[in-house]
ModelCIF file with pLDDT and N, C-alpha, C, O atoms, coordinates in Angstrom:
data_MODEL
#
_entry.id   MODEL 
#
_entity.id                         1 
_entity.type                       polymer 
_entity.pdbx_number_of_molecules   1 
#
_entity_poly.entity_id                      1 
_entity_poly.type                           'polypeptide(L)' 
_entity_poly.nstd_linkage                   no 
_entity_poly.nstd_monomer                   no 
_entity_poly.pdbx_seq_one_letter_code       AVQKRASFADQPYWGRPIPGWGDPEPSLLVVGLAPAANGGNR 
_entity_poly.pdbx_seq_one_letter_code_can   AVQKRASFADQPYWGRPIPGWGDPEPSLLVVGLAPAANGGNR 
_entity_poly.pdbx_strand_id                 A 
#
loop_
_entity_poly_seq.entity_id 
_entity_poly_seq.num 
_entity_poly_seq.mon_id 
_entity_poly_seq.hetero 
1 1  ALA n 
1 2  VAL n 
1 3  GLN n 
1 4  LYS n 
1 5  ARG n 
1 6  ALA n 
1 7  SER n 
1 8  PHE n 
1 9  ALA n 
1 10 ASP n 
1 11 GLN n 
1 12 PRO n 
1 13 TYR n 
1 14 TRP n 
1 15 GLY n 
1 16 ARG n 
1 17 PRO n 
1 18 ILE n 
1 19 PRO n 
1 20 GLY n 
1 21 TRP n 
1 22 GLY n 
1 23 ASP n 
1 24 PRO n 
1 25 GLU n 
1 26 PRO n 
1 27 SER n 
1 28 LEU n 
1 29 LEU n 
1 30 VAL n 
1 31 VAL n 
1 32 GLY n 
1 33 LEU n 
1 34 ALA n 
1 35 PRO n 
1 36 ALA n 
1 37 ALA n 
1 38 ASN n 
1 39 GLY n 
1 40 GLY n 
1 41 ASN n 
1 42 ARG n 
#
_struct_asym.id          A 
_struct_asym.entity_id   1 
#
loop_
_ma_qa_metric.id 
_ma_qa_metric.mode 
_ma_qa_metric.name 
_ma_qa_metric.software_group_id 
_ma_qa_metric.type 
1 global pLDDT . pLDDT 
2 local  pLDDT . pLDDT 
#
_ma_qa_metric_global.metric_id      1 
_ma_qa_metric_global.metric_value   96.69 
_ma_qa_metric_global.model_id       1 
_ma_qa_metric_global.ordinal_id     1 
#
loop_
_ma_qa_metric_local.label_asym_id 
_ma_qa_metric_local.label_comp_id 
_ma_qa_metric_local.label_seq_id 
_ma_qa_metric_local.metric_id 
_ma_qa_metric_local.metric_value 
_ma_qa_metric_local.model_id 
_ma_qa_metric_local.ordinal_id 
A ALA 1  2 97.00 1 1  
A VAL 2  2 96.00 1 2  
A GLN 3  2 95.00 1 3  
A LYS 4  2 94.00 1 4  
A ARG 5  2 95.00 1 5  
A ALA 6  2 96.00 1 6  
A SER 7  2 95.00 1 7  
A PHE 8  2 97.00 1 8  
A ALA 9  2 96.00 1 9  
A ASP 10 2 96.00 1 10 
A GLN 11 2 96.00 1 11 
A PRO 12 2 98.00 1 12 
A TYR 13 2 98.00 1 13 
A TRP 14 2 98.00 1 14 
A GLY 15 2 98.00 1 15 
A ARG 16 2 98.00 1 16 
A PRO 17 2 98.00 1 17 
A ILE 18 2 98.00 1 18 
A PRO 19 2 98.00 1 19 
A GLY 20 2 97.00 1 20 
A TRP 21 2 98.00 1 21 
A GLY 22 2 97.00 1 22 
A ASP 23 2 97.00 1 23 
A PRO 24 2 96.00 1 24 
A GLU 25 2 97.00 1 25 
A PRO 26 2 98.00 1 26 
A SER 27 2 98.00 1 27 
A LEU 28 2 98.00 1 28 
A LEU 29 2 98.00 1 29 
A VAL 30 2 98.00 1 30 
A VAL 31 2 97.00 1 31 
A GLY 32 2 95.00 1 32 
A LEU 33 2 93.00 1 33 
A ALA 34 2 95.00 1 34 
A PRO 35 2 96.00 1 35 
A ALA 36 2 95.00 1 36 
A ALA 37 2 96.00 1 37 
A ASN 38 2 96.00 1 38 
A GLY 39 2 96.00 1 39 
A GLY 40 2 97.00 1 40 
A ASN 41 2 98.00 1 41 
A ARG 42 2 98.00 1 42 
#
loop_
_atom_site.group_PDB 
_atom_site.id 
_atom_site.type_symbol 
_atom_site.label_atom_id 
_atom_site.label_alt_id 
_atom_site.label_comp_id 
_atom_site.label_asym_id 
_atom_site.label_entity_id 
_atom_site.label_seq_id 
_atom_site.pdbx_PDB_ins_code 
_atom_site.Cartn_x 
_atom_site.Cartn_y 
_atom_site.Cartn_z 
_atom_site.occupancy 
_atom_site.B_iso_or_equiv 
_atom_site.pdbx_formal_charge 
_atom_site.auth_seq_id 
_atom_site.auth_comp_id 
_atom_site.auth_asym_id 
_atom_site.auth_atom_id 
_atom_site.pdbx_PDB_model_num 
ATOM 1   N N  . ALA A 1 1  ? 0.817   -1.332  0.118   1.00 97.00 ? 1  ALA A N  1 
ATOM 2   C CA . ALA A 1 1  ? 0.069   -0.012  -0.055  1.00 97.00 ? 1  ALA A CA 1 
ATOM 3   C C  . ALA A 1 1  ? 1.000   1.241   -0.095  1.00 97.00 ? 1  ALA A C  1 
ATOM 4   O O  . ALA A 1 1  ? 0.711   2.323   -0.605  1.00 97.00 ? 1  ALA A O  1 
ATOM 5   N N  . VAL A 1 2  ? 2.096   0.930   0.490   1.00 96.00 ? 2  VAL A N  1 
ATOM 6   C CA . VAL A 1 2  ? 3.062   2.429   0.331   1.00 96.00 ? 2  VAL A CA 1 
ATOM 7   C C  . VAL A 1 2  ? 3.743   2.389   -0.602  1.00 96.00 ? 2  VAL A C  1 
ATOM 8   O O  . VAL A 1 2  ? 3.854   3.414   -1.275  1.00 96.00 ? 2  VAL A O  1 
ATOM 9   N N  . GLN A 1 3  ? 4.430   1.216   -0.971  1.00 95.00 ? 3  GLN A N  1 
ATOM 10  C CA . GLN A 1 3  ? 5.161   1.136   -2.502  1.00 95.00 ? 3  GLN A CA 1 
ATOM 11  C C  . GLN A 1 3  ? 4.512   1.442   -3.606  1.00 95.00 ? 3  GLN A C  1 
ATOM 12  O O  . GLN A 1 3  ? 4.771   2.371   -4.371  1.00 95.00 ? 3  GLN A O  1 
ATOM 13  N N  . LYS A 1 4  ? 3.628   0.624   -3.693  1.00 94.00 ? 4  LYS A N  1 
ATOM 14  C CA . LYS A 1 4  ? 2.322   0.541   -4.807  1.00 94.00 ? 4  LYS A CA 1 
ATOM 15  C C  . LYS A 1 4  ? 3.011   0.242   -6.355  1.00 94.00 ? 4  LYS A C  1 
ATOM 16  O O  . LYS A 1 4  ? 4.110   0.590   -6.785  1.00 94.00 ? 4  LYS A O  1 
ATOM 17  N N  . ARG A 1 5  ? 2.105   -0.410  -6.903  1.00 95.00 ? 5  ARG A N  1 
ATOM 18  C CA . ARG A 1 5  ? 2.691   -0.421  -8.572  1.00 95.00 ? 5  ARG A CA 1 
ATOM 19  C C  . ARG A 1 5  ? 2.413   0.944   -9.238  1.00 95.00 ? 5  ARG A C  1 
ATOM 20  O O  . ARG A 1 5  ? 1.403   1.641   -9.139  1.00 95.00 ? 5  ARG A O  1 
ATOM 21  N N  . ALA A 1 6  ? 3.561   1.165   -9.948  1.00 96.00 ? 6  ALA A N  1 
ATOM 22  C CA . ALA A 1 6  ? 3.632   2.361   -10.726 1.00 96.00 ? 6  ALA A CA 1 
ATOM 23  C C  . ALA A 1 6  ? 2.273   2.916   -11.238 1.00 96.00 ? 6  ALA A C  1 
ATOM 24  O O  . ALA A 1 6  ? 1.930   4.061   -10.944 1.00 96.00 ? 6  ALA A O  1 
ATOM 25  N N  . SER A 1 7  ? 1.608   2.218   -11.897 1.00 95.00 ? 7  SER A N  1 
ATOM 26  C CA . SER A 1 7  ? 0.397   2.539   -12.582 1.00 95.00 ? 7  SER A CA 1 
ATOM 27  C C  . SER A 1 7  ? -0.652  2.786   -11.542 1.00 95.00 ? 7  SER A C  1 
ATOM 28  O O  . SER A 1 7  ? -1.818  3.041   -11.843 1.00 95.00 ? 7  SER A O  1 
ATOM 29  N N  . PHE A 1 8  ? -0.242  2.710   -10.396 1.00 97.00 ? 8  PHE A N  1 
ATOM 30  C CA . PHE A 1 8  ? -1.768  3.142   -9.244  1.00 97.00 ? 8  PHE A CA 1 
ATOM 31  C C  . PHE A 1 8  ? -0.984  4.137   -8.283  1.00 97.00 ? 8  PHE A C  1 
ATOM 32  O O  . PHE A 1 8  ? -1.658  4.489   -7.315  1.00 97.00 ? 8  PHE A O  1 
ATOM 33  N N  . ALA A 1 9  ? 0.286   4.656   -8.350  1.00 96.00 ? 9  ALA A N  1 
ATOM 34  C CA . ALA A 1 9  ? 0.870   5.343   -7.586  1.00 96.00 ? 9  ALA A CA 1 
ATOM 35  C C  . ALA A 1 9  ? 0.286   6.668   -7.207  1.00 96.00 ? 9  ALA A C  1 
ATOM 36  O O  . ALA A 1 9  ? 0.828   7.302   -6.301  1.00 96.00 ? 9  ALA A O  1 
ATOM 37  N N  . ASP A 1 10 ? -0.844  7.180   -7.860  1.00 96.00 ? 10 ASP A N  1 
ATOM 38  C CA . ASP A 1 10 ? -1.535  8.196   -7.568  1.00 96.00 ? 10 ASP A CA 1 
ATOM 39  C C  . ASP A 1 10 ? -2.865  8.270   -6.751  1.00 96.00 ? 10 ASP A C  1 
ATOM 40  O O  . ASP A 1 10 ? -3.569  9.249   -6.505  1.00 96.00 ? 10 ASP A O  1 
ATOM 41  N N  . GLN A 1 11 ? -3.027  6.799   -6.357  1.00 96.00 ? 11 GLN A N  1 
ATOM 42  C CA . GLN A 1 11 ? -4.110  6.346   -5.784  1.00 96.00 ? 11 GLN A CA 1 
ATOM 43  C C  . GLN A 1 11 ? -3.710  6.033   -4.137  1.00 96.00 ? 11 GLN A C  1 
ATOM 44  O O  . GLN A 1 11 ? -2.583  5.688   -3.781  1.00 96.00 ? 11 GLN A O  1 
ATOM 45  N N  . PRO A 1 12 ? -4.934  6.238   -3.173  1.00 98.00 ? 12 PRO A N  1 
ATOM 46  C CA . PRO A 1 12 ? -4.664  5.581   -1.926  1.00 98.00 ? 12 PRO A CA 1 
ATOM 47  C C  . PRO A 1 12 ? -4.994  4.060   -2.003  1.00 98.00 ? 12 PRO A C  1 
ATOM 48  O O  . PRO A 1 12 ? -5.994  3.750   -2.652  1.00 98.00 ? 12 PRO A O  1 
ATOM 49  N N  . TYR A 1 13 ? -4.321  3.159   -1.460  1.00 98.00 ? 13 TYR A N  1 
ATOM 50  C CA . TYR A 1 13 ? -4.549  1.636   -1.299  1.00 98.00 ? 13 TYR A CA 1 
ATOM 51  C C  . TYR A 1 13 ? -5.204  1.530   -0.008  1.00 98.00 ? 13 TYR A C  1 
ATOM 52  O O  . TYR A 1 13 ? -4.769  2.151   0.961   1.00 98.00 ? 13 TYR A O  1 
ATOM 53  N N  . TRP A 1 14 ? -6.223  0.781   0.062   1.00 98.00 ? 14 TRP A N  1 
ATOM 54  C CA . TRP A 1 14 ? -7.050  0.105   1.045   1.00 98.00 ? 14 TRP A CA 1 
ATOM 55  C C  . TRP A 1 14 ? -5.972  -0.380  2.356   1.00 98.00 ? 14 TRP A C  1 
ATOM 56  O O  . TRP A 1 14 ? -5.978  0.065   3.504   1.00 98.00 ? 14 TRP A O  1 
ATOM 57  N N  . GLY A 1 15 ? -5.224  -1.249  1.874   1.00 98.00 ? 15 GLY A N  1 
ATOM 58  C CA . GLY A 1 15 ? -3.929  -2.114  2.645   1.00 98.00 ? 15 GLY A CA 1 
ATOM 59  C C  . GLY A 1 15 ? -4.708  -2.685  3.852   1.00 98.00 ? 15 GLY A C  1 
ATOM 60  O O  . GLY A 1 15 ? -4.151  -2.468  4.928   1.00 98.00 ? 15 GLY A O  1 
ATOM 61  N N  . ARG A 1 16 ? -5.591  -3.201  3.899   1.00 98.00 ? 16 ARG A N  1 
ATOM 62  C CA . ARG A 1 16 ? -6.407  -3.831  5.242   1.00 98.00 ? 16 ARG A CA 1 
ATOM 63  C C  . ARG A 1 16 ? -6.941  -5.019  4.793   1.00 98.00 ? 16 ARG A C  1 
ATOM 64  O O  . ARG A 1 16 ? -7.114  -5.077  3.575   1.00 98.00 ? 16 ARG A O  1 
ATOM 65  N N  . PRO A 1 17 ? -7.254  -5.996  5.457   1.00 98.00 ? 17 PRO A N  1 
ATOM 66  C CA . PRO A 1 17 ? -7.977  -7.130  5.090   1.00 98.00 ? 17 PRO A CA 1 
ATOM 67  C C  . PRO A 1 17 ? -9.231  -6.708  4.532   1.00 98.00 ? 17 PRO A C  1 
ATOM 68  O O  . PRO A 1 17 ? -9.747  -5.621  4.790   1.00 98.00 ? 17 PRO A O  1 
ATOM 69  N N  . ILE A 1 18 ? -9.856  -7.820  3.551   1.00 98.00 ? 18 ILE A N  1 
ATOM 70  C CA . ILE A 1 18 ? -11.044 -7.686  2.857   1.00 98.00 ? 18 ILE A CA 1 
ATOM 71  C C  . ILE A 1 18 ? -12.197 -8.473  3.453   1.00 98.00 ? 18 ILE A C  1 
ATOM 72  O O  . ILE A 1 18 ? -12.118 -9.700  3.508   1.00 98.00 ? 18 ILE A O  1 
ATOM 73  N N  . PRO A 1 19 ? -13.305 -7.802  3.918   1.00 98.00 ? 19 PRO A N  1 
ATOM 74  C CA . PRO A 1 19 ? -14.359 -8.634  4.499   1.00 98.00 ? 19 PRO A CA 1 
ATOM 75  C C  . PRO A 1 19 ? -15.140 -9.127  3.316   1.00 98.00 ? 19 PRO A C  1 
ATOM 76  O O  . PRO A 1 19 ? -14.931 -8.618  2.214   1.00 98.00 ? 19 PRO A O  1 
ATOM 77  N N  . GLY A 1 20 ? -16.069 -10.129 3.476   1.00 97.00 ? 20 GLY A N  1 
ATOM 78  C CA . GLY A 1 20 ? -17.064 -10.430 2.593   1.00 97.00 ? 20 GLY A CA 1 
ATOM 79  C C  . GLY A 1 20 ? -17.858 -9.361  2.045   1.00 97.00 ? 20 GLY A C  1 
ATOM 80  O O  . GLY A 1 20 ? -18.051 -8.292  2.624   1.00 97.00 ? 20 GLY A O  1 
ATOM 81  N N  . TRP A 1 21 ? -18.373 -9.716  0.770   1.00 98.00 ? 21 TRP A N  1 
ATOM 82  C CA . TRP A 1 21 ? -19.288 -8.410  0.089   1.00 98.00 ? 21 TRP A CA 1 
ATOM 83  C C  . TRP A 1 21 ? -20.353 -8.971  -0.788  1.00 98.00 ? 21 TRP A C  1 
ATOM 84  O O  . TRP A 1 21 ? -20.177 -9.895  -1.581  1.00 98.00 ? 21 TRP A O  1 
ATOM 85  N N  . GLY A 1 22 ? -21.435 -8.359  -0.588  1.00 97.00 ? 22 GLY A N  1 
ATOM 86  C CA . GLY A 1 22 ? -22.340 -8.878  -1.665  1.00 97.00 ? 22 GLY A CA 1 
ATOM 87  C C  . GLY A 1 22 ? -23.908 -8.862  -0.748  1.00 97.00 ? 22 GLY A C  1 
ATOM 88  O O  . GLY A 1 22 ? -24.115 -8.155  0.238   1.00 97.00 ? 22 GLY A O  1 
ATOM 89  N N  . ASP A 1 23 ? -24.736 -9.673  -1.270  1.00 97.00 ? 23 ASP A N  1 
ATOM 90  C CA . ASP A 1 23 ? -25.927 -9.892  -0.743  1.00 97.00 ? 23 ASP A CA 1 
ATOM 91  C C  . ASP A 1 23 ? -25.970 -10.372 0.712   1.00 97.00 ? 23 ASP A C  1 
ATOM 92  O O  . ASP A 1 23 ? -25.427 -11.471 0.823   1.00 97.00 ? 23 ASP A O  1 
ATOM 93  N N  . PRO A 1 24 ? -26.468 -9.863  1.900   1.00 96.00 ? 24 PRO A N  1 
ATOM 94  C CA . PRO A 1 24 ? -26.641 -10.174 3.158   1.00 96.00 ? 24 PRO A CA 1 
ATOM 95  C C  . PRO A 1 24 ? -27.464 -11.319 3.186   1.00 96.00 ? 24 PRO A C  1 
ATOM 96  O O  . PRO A 1 24 ? -27.580 -11.768 4.326   1.00 96.00 ? 24 PRO A O  1 
ATOM 97  N N  . GLU A 1 25 ? -28.084 -11.955 2.299   1.00 97.00 ? 25 GLU A N  1 
ATOM 98  C CA . GLU A 1 25 ? -28.972 -13.164 2.398   1.00 97.00 ? 25 GLU A CA 1 
ATOM 99  C C  . GLU A 1 25 ? -29.092 -13.972 0.976   1.00 97.00 ? 25 GLU A C  1 
ATOM 100 O O  . GLU A 1 25 ? -30.087 -14.338 0.350   1.00 97.00 ? 25 GLU A O  1 
ATOM 101 N N  . PRO A 1 26 ? -27.762 -14.101 0.723   1.00 98.00 ? 26 PRO A N  1 
ATOM 102 C CA . PRO A 1 26 ? -27.372 -14.751 -0.675  1.00 98.00 ? 26 PRO A CA 1 
ATOM 103 C C  . PRO A 1 26 ? -27.669 -16.388 -0.808  1.00 98.00 ? 26 PRO A C  1 
ATOM 104 O O  . PRO A 1 26 ? -27.496 -17.221 0.081   1.00 98.00 ? 26 PRO A O  1 
ATOM 105 N N  . SER A 1 27 ? -28.102 -16.592 -1.991  1.00 98.00 ? 27 SER A N  1 
ATOM 106 C CA . SER A 1 27 ? -28.052 -18.124 -2.264  1.00 98.00 ? 27 SER A CA 1 
ATOM 107 C C  . SER A 1 27 ? -26.913 -18.962 -2.761  1.00 98.00 ? 27 SER A C  1 
ATOM 108 O O  . SER A 1 27 ? -26.724 -20.177 -2.811  1.00 98.00 ? 27 SER A O  1 
ATOM 109 N N  . LEU A 1 28 ? -26.153 -17.813 -3.145  1.00 98.00 ? 28 LEU A N  1 
ATOM 110 C CA . LEU A 1 28 ? -24.707 -18.432 -3.934  1.00 98.00 ? 28 LEU A CA 1 
ATOM 111 C C  . LEU A 1 28 ? -23.620 -17.741 -2.931  1.00 98.00 ? 28 LEU A C  1 
ATOM 112 O O  . LEU A 1 28 ? -23.860 -16.637 -2.442  1.00 98.00 ? 28 LEU A O  1 
ATOM 113 N N  . LEU A 1 29 ? -22.636 -18.316 -2.702  1.00 98.00 ? 29 LEU A N  1 
ATOM 114 C CA . LEU A 1 29 ? -21.530 -17.785 -2.129  1.00 98.00 ? 29 LEU A CA 1 
ATOM 115 C C  . LEU A 1 29 ? -20.160 -18.194 -3.168  1.00 98.00 ? 29 LEU A C  1 
ATOM 116 O O  . LEU A 1 29 ? -20.025 -19.338 -3.601  1.00 98.00 ? 29 LEU A O  1 
ATOM 117 N N  . VAL A 1 30 ? -19.462 -17.389 -3.395  1.00 98.00 ? 30 VAL A N  1 
ATOM 118 C CA . VAL A 1 30 ? -18.206 -17.417 -4.195  1.00 98.00 ? 30 VAL A CA 1 
ATOM 119 C C  . VAL A 1 30 ? -16.992 -17.225 -3.454  1.00 98.00 ? 30 VAL A C  1 
ATOM 120 O O  . VAL A 1 30 ? -16.650 -16.091 -3.119  1.00 98.00 ? 30 VAL A O  1 
ATOM 121 N N  . VAL A 1 31 ? -16.243 -18.350 -3.140  1.00 97.00 ? 31 VAL A N  1 
ATOM 122 C CA . VAL A 1 31 ? -15.079 -18.466 -2.313  1.00 97.00 ? 31 VAL A CA 1 
ATOM 123 C C  . VAL A 1 31 ? -13.836 -18.669 -2.969  1.00 97.00 ? 31 VAL A C  1 
ATOM 124 O O  . VAL A 1 31 ? -13.698 -19.655 -3.693  1.00 97.00 ? 31 VAL A O  1 
ATOM 125 N N  . GLY A 1 32 ? -12.686 -17.652 -2.761  1.00 95.00 ? 32 GLY A N  1 
ATOM 126 C CA . GLY A 1 32 ? -11.541 -17.675 -3.270  1.00 95.00 ? 32 GLY A CA 1 
ATOM 127 C C  . GLY A 1 32 ? -10.248 -17.785 -2.586  1.00 95.00 ? 32 GLY A C  1 
ATOM 128 O O  . GLY A 1 32 ? -10.410 -18.333 -1.496  1.00 95.00 ? 32 GLY A O  1 
ATOM 129 N N  . LEU A 1 33 ? -9.409  -17.570 -2.743  1.00 93.00 ? 33 LEU A N  1 
ATOM 130 C CA . LEU A 1 33 ? -7.919  -17.850 -1.940  1.00 93.00 ? 33 LEU A CA 1 
ATOM 131 C C  . LEU A 1 33 ? -7.824  -16.904 -1.100  1.00 93.00 ? 33 LEU A C  1 
ATOM 132 O O  . LEU A 1 33 ? -7.983  -17.084 0.107   1.00 93.00 ? 33 LEU A O  1 
ATOM 133 N N  . ALA A 1 34 ? -7.492  -15.517 -1.749  1.00 95.00 ? 34 ALA A N  1 
ATOM 134 C CA . ALA A 1 34 ? -6.968  -14.192 -0.999  1.00 95.00 ? 34 ALA A CA 1 
ATOM 135 C C  . ALA A 1 34 ? -6.895  -13.086 -2.096  1.00 95.00 ? 34 ALA A C  1 
ATOM 136 O O  . ALA A 1 34 ? -6.674  -13.291 -3.289  1.00 95.00 ? 34 ALA A O  1 
ATOM 137 N N  . PRO A 1 35 ? -7.099  -11.973 -1.543  1.00 96.00 ? 35 PRO A N  1 
ATOM 138 C CA . PRO A 1 35 ? -7.097  -10.537 -2.232  1.00 96.00 ? 35 PRO A CA 1 
ATOM 139 C C  . PRO A 1 35 ? -5.851  -10.474 -3.067  1.00 96.00 ? 35 PRO A C  1 
ATOM 140 O O  . PRO A 1 35 ? -4.868  -11.029 -2.575  1.00 96.00 ? 35 PRO A O  1 
ATOM 141 N N  . ALA A 1 36 ? -5.711  -9.907  -4.224  1.00 95.00 ? 36 ALA A N  1 
ATOM 142 C CA . ALA A 1 36 ? -4.520  -9.614  -4.717  1.00 95.00 ? 36 ALA A CA 1 
ATOM 143 C C  . ALA A 1 36 ? -3.938  -8.294  -4.258  1.00 95.00 ? 36 ALA A C  1 
ATOM 144 O O  . ALA A 1 36 ? -4.579  -7.411  -3.688  1.00 95.00 ? 36 ALA A O  1 
ATOM 145 N N  . ALA A 1 37 ? -2.673  -8.258  -4.564  1.00 96.00 ? 37 ALA A N  1 
ATOM 146 C CA . ALA A 1 37 ? -1.853  -7.207  -3.680  1.00 96.00 ? 37 ALA A CA 1 
ATOM 147 C C  . ALA A 1 37 ? -2.411  -5.925  -4.394  1.00 96.00 ? 37 ALA A C  1 
ATOM 148 O O  . ALA A 1 37 ? -2.795  -5.031  -3.640  1.00 96.00 ? 37 ALA A O  1 
ATOM 149 N N  . ASN A 1 38 ? -2.506  -5.715  -5.742  1.00 96.00 ? 38 ASN A N  1 
ATOM 150 C CA . ASN A 1 38 ? -2.856  -4.467  -6.321  1.00 96.00 ? 38 ASN A CA 1 
ATOM 151 C C  . ASN A 1 38 ? -4.054  -4.497  -6.812  1.00 96.00 ? 38 ASN A C  1 
ATOM 152 O O  . ASN A 1 38 ? -4.348  -3.641  -7.646  1.00 96.00 ? 38 ASN A O  1 
ATOM 153 N N  . GLY A 1 39 ? -4.991  -5.445  -6.429  1.00 96.00 ? 39 GLY A N  1 
ATOM 154 C CA . GLY A 1 39 ? -6.450  -5.871  -6.757  1.00 96.00 ? 39 GLY A CA 1 
ATOM 155 C C  . GLY A 1 39 ? -7.259  -5.284  -5.516  1.00 96.00 ? 39 GLY A C  1 
ATOM 156 O O  . GLY A 1 39 ? -7.453  -4.087  -5.309  1.00 96.00 ? 39 GLY A O  1 
ATOM 157 N N  . GLY A 1 40 ? -7.718  -6.407  -4.686  1.00 97.00 ? 40 GLY A N  1 
ATOM 158 C CA . GLY A 1 40 ? -8.536  -6.136  -3.584  1.00 97.00 ? 40 GLY A CA 1 
ATOM 159 C C  . GLY A 1 40 ? -7.725  -5.340  -2.458  1.00 97.00 ? 40 GLY A C  1 
ATOM 160 O O  . GLY A 1 40 ? -8.287  -4.629  -1.624  1.00 97.00 ? 40 GLY A O  1 
ATOM 161 N N  . ASN A 1 41 ? -6.584  -5.503  -2.513  1.00 98.00 ? 41 ASN A N  1 
ATOM 162 C CA . ASN A 1 41 ? -5.800  -4.927  -1.612  1.00 98.00 ? 41 ASN A CA 1 
ATOM 163 C C  . ASN A 1 41 ? -5.741  -3.315  -1.840  1.00 98.00 ? 41 ASN A C  1 
ATOM 164 O O  . ASN A 1 41 ? -5.678  -2.537  -0.888  1.00 98.00 ? 41 ASN A O  1 
ATOM 165 N N  . ARG A 1 42 ? -5.767  -2.918  -3.125  1.00 98.00 ? 42 ARG A N  1 
ATOM 166 C CA . ARG A 1 42 ? -5.940  -1.427  -3.344  1.00 98.00 ? 42 ARG A CA 1 
ATOM 167 C C  . ARG A 1 42 ? -7.246  -1.200  -3.319  1.00 98.00 ? 42 ARG A C  1 
ATOM 168 O O  . ARG A 1 42 ? -7.677  -0.058  -3.473  1.00 98.00 ? 42 ARG A O  1 
#
C-alpha cells in the first residue's frame, strides 16, 4: 500500500483485510484464495 505499483501511484490503497461483500441473504457464495496485492488490497 505504500510502495504501490507504478500505474496506481496516484491512488490510496486500502491496505487492510478484505471483508465479505455482496448480498446479506445470498443463495450463492463465491469463495476464493485471498485478495490480490494490487487488486482487492488496493
